[in-house]
C-alpha atoms as a PDB file:
ATOM      1  CA  UNK A   1      12.338  10.745   6.339  1.00  0.00           C
ATOM      2  CA  UNK A   2      12.969  10.905  10.084  1.00  0.00           C
ATOM      3  CA  UNK A   3      10.195  12.573  12.021  1.00  0.00           C
ATOM      4  CA  UNK A   4      11.351  14.668  14.956  1.00  0.00           C
ATOM      5  CA  UNK A   5       8.953  15.286  17.807  1.00  0.00           C
ATOM      6  CA  UNK A   6       9.975  17.804  20.437  1.00  0.00           C
ATOM      7  CA  UNK A   7       8.359  18.128  23.828  1.00  0.00           C
ATOM      8  CA  UNK A   8       6.754  21.391  24.878  1.00  0.00           C
ATOM      9  CA  UNK A   9       7.278  22.654  28.422  1.00  0.00           C
ATOM     10  CA  UNK A  10       3.971  21.487  29.890  1.00  0.00           C
ATOM     11  CA  UNK A  11       3.084  18.700  27.486  1.00  0.00           C
ATOM     12  CA  UNK A  12       2.229  15.230  28.774  1.00  0.00           C
ATOM     13  CA  UNK A  13       4.117  12.183  27.555  1.00  0.00           C
ATOM     14  CA  UNK A  14       0.935  10.623  26.174  1.00  0.00           C
ATOM     15  CA  UNK A  15       0.406  13.642  23.921  1.00  0.00           C
ATOM     16  CA  UNK A  16       3.956  13.360  22.581  1.00  0.00           C
ATOM     17  CA  UNK A  17       3.468   9.685  21.776  1.00  0.00           C
ATOM     18  CA  UNK A  18       0.129  10.424  20.115  1.00  0.00           C
ATOM     19  CA  UNK A  19       1.673  13.187  17.980  1.00  0.00           C
ATOM     20  CA  UNK A  20       4.605  10.988  17.006  1.00  0.00           C
ATOM     21  CA  UNK A  21       2.331   8.089  16.021  1.00  0.00           C
ATOM     22  CA  UNK A  22       0.169  10.404  13.932  1.00  0.00           C
ATOM     23  CA  UNK A  23       3.203  11.776  12.073  1.00  0.00           C
ATOM     24  CA  UNK A  24       4.576   8.304  11.408  1.00  0.00           C
ATOM     25  CA  UNK A  25       1.220   7.151  10.023  1.00  0.00           C
ATOM     26  CA  UNK A  26       0.916  10.225   7.823  1.00  0.00           C
ATOM     27  CA  UNK A  27       4.435   9.811   6.431  1.00  0.00           C
ATOM     28  CA  UNK A  28       3.675   6.278   5.223  1.00  0.00           C
ATOM     29  CA  UNK A  29       6.884   4.743   6.571  1.00  0.00           C
ATOM     30  CA  UNK A  30       5.083   1.828   8.226  1.00  0.00           C
ATOM     31  CA  UNK A  31       2.997   1.116   5.135  1.00  0.00           C
ATOM     32  CA  UNK A  32       6.145   0.922   2.990  1.00  0.00           C
ATOM     33  CA  UNK A  33       7.855  -1.381   5.487  1.00  0.00           C
ATOM     34  CA  UNK A  34       4.867  -3.733   5.625  1.00  0.00           C
ATOM     35  CA  UNK A  35       4.575  -3.775   1.840  1.00  0.00           C
ATOM     36  CA  UNK A  36       8.244  -4.691   1.449  1.00  0.00           C
ATOM     37  CA  UNK A  37       7.802  -7.611   3.853  1.00  0.00           C
ATOM     38  CA  UNK A  38       5.144  -9.151   1.614  1.00  0.00           C
ATOM     39  CA  UNK A  39       7.042  -8.681  -1.650  1.00  0.00           C
ATOM     40  CA  UNK A  40       6.893 -11.651  -3.991  1.00  0.00           C
ATOM     41  CA  UNK A  41       8.846 -12.083  -7.163  1.00  0.00           C
ATOM     42  CA  UNK A  42       6.676 -11.648 -10.249  1.00  0.00           C
ATOM     43  CA  UNK A  43       5.958 -14.977 -11.914  1.00  0.00           C
ATOM     44  CA  UNK A  44       5.237 -15.572 -15.556  1.00  0.00           C
ATOM     45  CA  UNK A  45       1.791 -16.191 -16.991  1.00  0.00           C
ATOM     46  CA  UNK A  46       2.570 -19.812 -17.756  1.00  0.00           C
ATOM     47  CA  UNK A  47       3.688 -20.534 -14.186  1.00  0.00           C
ATOM     48  CA  UNK A  48       0.561 -18.865 -12.843  1.00  0.00           C
ATOM     49  CA  UNK A  49      -1.606 -20.973 -15.174  1.00  0.00           C
ATOM     50  CA  UNK A  50       0.185 -24.192 -14.169  1.00  0.00           C
ATOM     51  CA  UNK A  51      -0.358 -23.428 -10.492  1.00  0.00           C
ATOM     52  CA  UNK A  52      -4.037 -22.646 -11.128  1.00  0.00           C
ATOM     53  CA  UNK A  53      -4.494 -25.947 -12.979  1.00  0.00           C
ATOM     54  CA  UNK A  54      -2.863 -27.867 -10.121  1.00  0.00           C
ATOM     55  CA  UNK A  55      -5.059 -26.072  -7.551  1.00  0.00           C
ATOM     56  CA  UNK A  56      -8.186 -26.822  -9.552  1.00  0.00           C
ATOM     57  CA  UNK A  57      -7.350 -30.492  -9.979  1.00  0.00           C
ATOM     58  CA  UNK A  58      -6.567 -30.900  -6.273  1.00  0.00           C
ATOM     59  CA  UNK A  59      -9.858 -29.248  -5.360  1.00  0.00           C
ATOM     60  CA  UNK A  60     -11.798 -31.502  -7.751  1.00  0.00           C
ATOM     61  CA  UNK A  61     -10.029 -34.555  -6.336  1.00  0.00           C
ATOM     62  CA  UNK A  62     -10.877 -33.479  -2.788  1.00  0.00           C
ATOM     63  CA  UNK A  63     -14.553 -32.963  -3.686  1.00  0.00           C
ATOM     64  CA  UNK A  64     -14.657 -36.375  -5.401  1.00  0.00           C
ATOM     65  CA  UNK A  65     -13.200 -38.030  -2.296  1.00  0.00           C
ATOM     66  CA  UNK A  66     -15.800 -36.341  -0.118  1.00  0.00           C
ATOM     67  CA  UNK A  67     -18.607 -37.518  -2.411  1.00  0.00           C
ATOM     68  CA  UNK A  68     -17.239 -41.063  -2.425  1.00  0.00           C
ATOM     69  CA  UNK A  69     -16.996 -41.072   1.372  1.00  0.00           C
ATOM     70  CA  UNK A  70     -13.196 -41.216   1.528  1.00  0.00           C
ATOM     71  CA  UNK A  71     -12.756 -38.311   3.911  1.00  0.00           C
ATOM     72  CA  UNK A  72      -9.390 -38.381   5.618  1.00  0.00           C
END
């Protein structure tokens, strides 16, 4: 899992950093870390439907207020 990057005798530091970054990207370590940050618990179908109904009703209420001229 750990990527080791060794410096050659005449290699510039920028080249080492570039090689290291390329190996890290290819290994997928960063992608896994970012995906685990955004993890959400799976919710049931009924909860998802309830939330969708609430969203829809709020949106309809907002549109009605805009049409009636009650913009806050």
